[in-house]
């Protein structure tokens, strides 16, 4: 059980990171618009 978590966690993290990177690359967003998007999401869900 424990060794499966150790094996699959990094694979899952890389997969999520790669997917996010691909989506961001397709959209060709500027850094400013990405920061604005994150800020808007924080305001919507945290505050």
Protein backbone atom coordinates (compact mmCIF):
# COMPACT_ATOMS: atom_id res chain seq x y z
CA UNK A 1 0.00 0.00 0.00
CA UNK A 2 2.64 2.50 1.07
CA UNK A 3 5.02 1.81 -1.83
CA UNK A 4 2.18 2.40 -4.31
CA UNK A 5 1.67 5.91 -2.90
CA UNK A 6 5.42 6.59 -3.17
CA UNK A 7 5.43 5.47 -6.82
CA UNK A 8 2.22 7.11 -8.05
CA UNK A 9 2.39 10.50 -6.31
CA UNK A 10 5.32 11.87 -8.40
CA UNK A 11 3.81 10.47 -11.60
CA UNK A 12 0.50 12.17 -10.84
CA UNK A 13 2.24 15.44 -9.96
CA UNK A 14 4.20 15.42 -13.24
CA UNK A 15 1.05 14.62 -15.21
CA UNK A 16 -0.88 17.49 -13.62
CA UNK A 17 2.04 19.87 -14.13
CA UNK A 18 2.43 18.87 -17.77
CA UNK A 19 -1.29 19.28 -18.42
CA UNK A 20 -1.36 22.73 -16.81
CA UNK A 21 1.74 23.77 -18.77
CA UNK A 22 0.21 22.59 -22.06
CA UNK A 23 -3.04 24.47 -21.42
CA UNK A 24 -1.20 27.67 -20.50
CA UNK A 25 1.03 27.36 -23.57
CA UNK A 26 -1.96 26.93 -25.89
CA UNK A 27 -3.67 30.02 -24.53
CA UNK A 28 -0.54 32.18 -24.93
CA UNK A 29 -1.51 34.25 -21.90
CA UNK A 30 0.81 36.92 -20.63
CA UNK A 31 2.14 36.68 -17.08
CA UNK A 32 0.00 39.67 -16.12
CA UNK A 33 -3.24 38.00 -17.20
CA UNK A 34 -2.26 34.77 -15.39
CA UNK A 35 -1.68 36.68 -12.16
CA UNK A 36 -5.01 38.44 -12.62
CA UNK A 37 -6.76 35.10 -13.15
CA UNK A 38 -5.20 33.66 -9.97
CA UNK A 39 -6.11 36.78 -8.03
CA UNK A 40 -9.73 36.62 -9.24
CA UNK A 41 -9.97 32.92 -8.28
CA UNK A 42 -8.55 33.67 -4.82
CA UNK A 43 -11.10 36.45 -4.28
CA UNK A 44 -13.93 34.20 -5.46
CA UNK A 45 -13.14 31.10 -3.41
CA UNK A 46 -11.08 32.24 -0.40
CA UNK A 47 -12.53 35.57 0.67
